[in-house]
Amino acid sequence: MVAAAYAKDLLCRIAPNRVEAEKKIGDILSGLQEVAEEHRDIATEQLQAQEDLAKERLSKEEQKCHHVNESMACPP
């Protein structure tokens, strides 16, 4: 009951045109979802780039190891 009275009082204090001028919560949440998806995609791309670089470096290290000491096994 108190909450309803508070809401009624609050609505009486705010001009209707100001309420209509506010963005709808659905629009705000939709925008936030788009930003979150963009961030996820960027993070996925960065992770893939880091994994590719790590594989490339590992391959070069393995090649160098095998080239220098063909008769010795490379350390793990």
N, C-alpha and C. Protein backbone atom coordinates (compact mmCIF):
# COMPACT_ATOMS: atom_id res chain seq x y z
N MET A 1 0.83 -1.19 0.00
CA MET A 1 0.00 0.00 0.00
C MET A 1 0.88 1.26 0.00
N VAL A 2 1.93 1.22 0.81
CA VAL A 2 2.83 2.37 0.88
C VAL A 2 3.53 2.56 -0.46
N ALA A 3 3.90 1.47 -1.09
CA ALA A 3 4.58 1.56 -2.38
C ALA A 3 3.67 2.19 -3.43
N ALA A 4 2.41 1.83 -3.41
CA ALA A 4 1.45 2.40 -4.37
C ALA A 4 1.29 3.89 -4.14
N ALA A 5 1.23 4.30 -2.89
CA ALA A 5 1.09 5.72 -2.57
C ALA A 5 2.34 6.48 -3.02
N TYR A 6 3.50 5.89 -2.80
CA TYR A 6 4.75 6.52 -3.21
C TYR A 6 4.80 6.65 -4.73
N ALA A 7 4.41 5.60 -5.44
CA ALA A 7 4.40 5.63 -6.90
C ALA A 7 3.45 6.69 -7.42
N LYS A 8 2.27 6.79 -6.81
CA LYS A 8 1.29 7.80 -7.23
C LYS A 8 1.84 9.19 -7.01
N ASP A 9 2.45 9.42 -5.85
CA ASP A 9 3.04 10.73 -5.55
C ASP A 9 4.16 11.06 -6.53
N LEU A 10 4.99 10.07 -6.83
CA LEU A 10 6.09 10.27 -7.76
C LEU A 10 5.58 10.62 -9.15
N LEU A 11 4.56 9.91 -9.61
CA LEU A 11 4.00 10.17 -10.93
C LEU A 11 3.35 11.55 -11.01
N CYS A 12 2.81 12.03 -9.90
CA CYS A 12 2.21 13.36 -9.89
C CYS A 12 3.28 14.45 -9.99
N ARG A 13 4.47 14.17 -9.54
CA ARG A 13 5.56 15.16 -9.55
C ARG A 13 6.28 15.23 -10.90
N ILE A 14 6.18 14.19 -11.69
CA ILE A 14 6.88 14.14 -12.97
C ILE A 14 5.90 14.49 -14.09
N ALA A 15 6.32 15.42 -14.94
CA ALA A 15 5.47 15.82 -16.07
C ALA A 15 5.38 14.66 -17.06
N PRO A 16 4.19 14.41 -17.60
CA PRO A 16 4.02 13.28 -18.54
C PRO A 16 4.97 13.34 -19.74
N ASN A 17 5.24 14.54 -20.24
CA ASN A 17 6.12 14.63 -21.41
C ASN A 17 7.56 14.22 -21.06
N ARG A 18 7.96 14.40 -19.81
CA ARG A 18 9.30 13.95 -19.39
C ARG A 18 9.36 12.43 -19.33
N VAL A 19 8.29 11.81 -18.92
CA VAL A 19 8.24 10.35 -18.87
C VAL A 19 8.31 9.79 -20.28
N GLU A 20 7.56 10.39 -21.20
CA GLU A 20 7.55 9.92 -22.58
C GLU A 20 8.90 10.15 -23.26
N ALA A 21 9.64 11.17 -22.82
CA ALA A 21 10.93 11.47 -23.43
C ALA A 21 12.02 10.48 -23.02
N GLU A 22 11.81 9.77 -21.94
CA GLU A 22 12.80 8.80 -21.47
C GLU A 22 12.86 7.60 -22.41
N LYS A 23 14.05 7.01 -22.49
CA LYS A 23 14.21 5.81 -23.31
C LYS A 23 13.53 4.63 -22.63
N LYS A 24 13.00 3.77 -23.44
CA LYS A 24 12.37 2.56 -22.92
C LYS A 24 13.46 1.59 -22.45
N ILE A 25 13.18 0.88 -21.37
CA ILE A 25 14.17 -0.05 -20.80
C ILE A 25 14.53 -1.14 -21.80
N GLY A 26 13.58 -1.55 -22.63
CA GLY A 26 13.86 -2.56 -23.64
C GLY A 26 14.89 -2.08 -24.65
N ASP A 27 14.80 -0.81 -25.03
CA ASP A 27 15.77 -0.24 -25.97
C ASP A 27 17.16 -0.17 -25.34
N ILE A 28 17.20 0.21 -24.08
CA ILE A 28 18.48 0.31 -23.37
C ILE A 28 19.11 -1.08 -23.26
N LEU A 29 18.32 -2.06 -22.86
CA LEU A 29 18.85 -3.42 -22.71
C LEU A 29 19.30 -4.00 -24.04
N SER A 30 18.56 -3.68 -25.10
CA SER A 30 18.94 -4.16 -26.43
C SER A 30 20.30 -3.59 -26.83
N GLY A 31 20.48 -2.31 -26.55
CA GLY A 31 21.77 -1.67 -26.85
C GLY A 31 22.90 -2.28 -26.04
N LEU A 32 22.64 -2.59 -24.78
CA LEU A 32 23.65 -3.21 -23.94
C LEU A 32 23.99 -4.61 -24.45
N GLN A 33 22.99 -5.32 -24.93
CA GLN A 33 23.24 -6.67 -25.47
C GLN A 33 24.13 -6.59 -26.70
N GLU A 34 23.88 -5.60 -27.55
CA GLU A 34 24.70 -5.43 -28.75
C GLU A 34 26.15 -5.15 -28.37
N VAL A 35 26.35 -4.28 -27.37
CA VAL A 35 27.71 -3.96 -26.92
C VAL A 35 28.38 -5.20 -26.34
N ALA A 36 27.64 -5.96 -25.54
CA ALA A 36 28.20 -7.18 -24.95
C ALA A 36 28.59 -8.19 -26.03
N GLU A 37 27.76 -8.31 -27.06
CA GLU A 37 28.08 -9.23 -28.16
C GLU A 37 29.32 -8.78 -28.91
N GLU A 38 29.46 -7.47 -29.13
CA GLU A 38 30.65 -6.95 -29.80
C GLU A 38 31.90 -7.24 -28.97
N HIS A 39 31.81 -7.03 -27.66
CA HIS A 39 32.95 -7.30 -26.78
C HIS A 39 33.30 -8.78 -26.80
N ARG A 40 32.28 -9.64 -26.80
CA ARG A 40 32.52 -11.08 -26.86
C ARG A 40 33.25 -11.45 -28.15
N ASP A 41 32.79 -10.88 -29.27
CA ASP A 41 33.40 -11.18 -30.55
C ASP A 41 34.86 -10.72 -30.60
N ILE A 42 35.12 -9.54 -30.06
CA ILE A 42 36.49 -9.02 -30.02
C ILE A 42 37.37 -9.92 -29.16
N ALA A 43 36.87 -10.32 -28.00
CA ALA A 43 37.63 -11.20 -27.11
C ALA A 43 37.91 -12.54 -27.79
N THR A 44 36.94 -13.06 -28.52
CA THR A 44 37.13 -14.33 -29.22
C THR A 44 38.21 -14.20 -30.29
N GLU A 45 38.18 -13.09 -31.03
CA GLU A 45 39.19 -12.85 -32.06
C GLU A 45 40.58 -12.72 -31.45
N GLN A 46 40.68 -12.01 -30.33
CA GLN A 46 41.97 -11.83 -29.67
C GLN A 46 42.51 -13.16 -29.15
N LEU A 47 41.63 -13.97 -28.58
CA LEU A 47 42.04 -15.28 -28.09
C LEU A 47 42.55 -16.14 -29.23
N GLN A 48 41.86 -16.13 -30.36
CA GLN A 48 42.29 -16.92 -31.51
C GLN A 48 43.65 -16.44 -32.01
N ALA A 49 43.85 -15.12 -32.05
CA ALA A 49 45.13 -14.57 -32.49
C ALA A 49 46.25 -14.99 -31.55
N GLN A 50 45.99 -14.98 -30.25
CA GLN A 50 47.01 -15.40 -29.28
C GLN A 50 47.32 -16.88 -29.43
N GLU A 51 46.30 -17.70 -29.63
CA GLU A 51 46.52 -19.14 -29.82
C GLU A 51 47.33 -19.41 -31.08
N ASP A 52 47.01 -18.69 -32.16
CA ASP A 52 47.74 -18.87 -33.41
C ASP A 52 49.20 -18.47 -33.24
N LEU A 53 49.45 -17.36 -32.55
CA LEU A 53 50.81 -16.90 -32.32
C LEU A 53 51.58 -17.90 -31.46
N ALA A 54 50.94 -18.43 -30.45
CA ALA A 54 51.59 -19.43 -29.58
C ALA A 54 51.96 -20.67 -30.39
N LYS A 55 51.07 -21.13 -31.27
CA LYS A 55 51.37 -22.29 -32.10
C LYS A 55 52.53 -21.99 -33.05
N GLU A 56 52.53 -20.78 -33.61
CA GLU A 56 53.59 -20.40 -34.54
C GLU A 56 54.93 -20.36 -33.82
N ARG A 57 54.96 -19.78 -32.64
CA ARG A 57 56.21 -19.70 -31.87
C ARG A 57 56.68 -21.09 -31.46
N LEU A 58 55.76 -21.92 -31.04
CA LEU A 58 56.11 -23.28 -30.64
C LEU A 58 56.70 -24.03 -31.82
N SER A 59 56.12 -23.88 -32.96
CA SER A 59 56.63 -24.57 -34.15
C SER A 59 58.04 -24.10 -34.48
N LYS A 60 58.31 -22.81 -34.38
CA LYS A 60 59.64 -22.27 -34.66
C LYS A 60 60.65 -22.80 -33.65
N GLU A 61 60.26 -22.85 -32.38
CA GLU A 61 61.16 -23.36 -31.35
C GLU A 61 61.46 -24.83 -31.58
N GLU A 62 60.44 -25.59 -31.93
CA GLU A 62 60.65 -27.01 -32.21
C GLU A 62 61.55 -27.20 -33.41
N GLN A 63 61.36 -26.42 -34.45
CA GLN A 63 62.19 -26.52 -35.65
C GLN A 63 63.64 -26.18 -35.32
N LYS A 64 63.84 -25.13 -34.54
CA LYS A 64 65.19 -24.71 -34.16
C LYS A 64 65.85 -25.80 -33.33
N CYS A 65 65.11 -26.37 -32.40
CA CYS A 65 65.63 -27.43 -31.54
C CYS A 65 66.05 -28.63 -32.38
N HIS A 66 65.22 -29.03 -33.30
CA HIS A 66 65.53 -30.19 -34.13
C HIS A 66 66.68 -29.89 -35.08
N HIS A 67 66.77 -28.67 -35.53
CA HIS A 67 67.83 -28.31 -36.46
C HIS A 67 69.19 -28.30 -35.76
N VAL A 68 69.26 -27.75 -34.55
CA VAL A 68 70.53 -27.64 -33.82
C VAL A 68 70.99 -29.01 -33.34
N ASN A 69 70.09 -29.75 -32.75
CA ASN A 69 70.45 -31.06 -32.18
C ASN A 69 69.57 -32.15 -32.77
N GLU A 70 69.88 -32.55 -33.96
CA GLU A 70 69.05 -33.55 -34.63
C GLU A 70 69.08 -34.90 -33.92
N SER A 71 70.17 -35.20 -33.27
CA SER A 71 70.27 -36.50 -32.62
C SER A 71 69.69 -36.51 -31.21
N MET A 72 69.48 -35.32 -30.63
CA MET A 72 68.95 -35.25 -29.26
C MET A 72 67.46 -34.94 -29.28
N ALA A 73 66.76 -35.49 -28.33
CA ALA A 73 65.32 -35.21 -28.22
C ALA A 73 65.11 -33.83 -27.62
N CYS A 74 64.10 -33.13 -28.08
CA CYS A 74 63.77 -31.81 -27.55
C CYS A 74 63.10 -31.96 -26.20
N PRO A 75 63.41 -31.06 -25.27
CA PRO A 75 62.71 -31.11 -23.98
C PRO A 75 61.24 -30.77 -24.15
N PRO A 76 60.39 -31.33 -23.30
CA PRO A 76 58.95 -31.06 -23.44
C PRO A 76 58.60 -29.62 -23.15
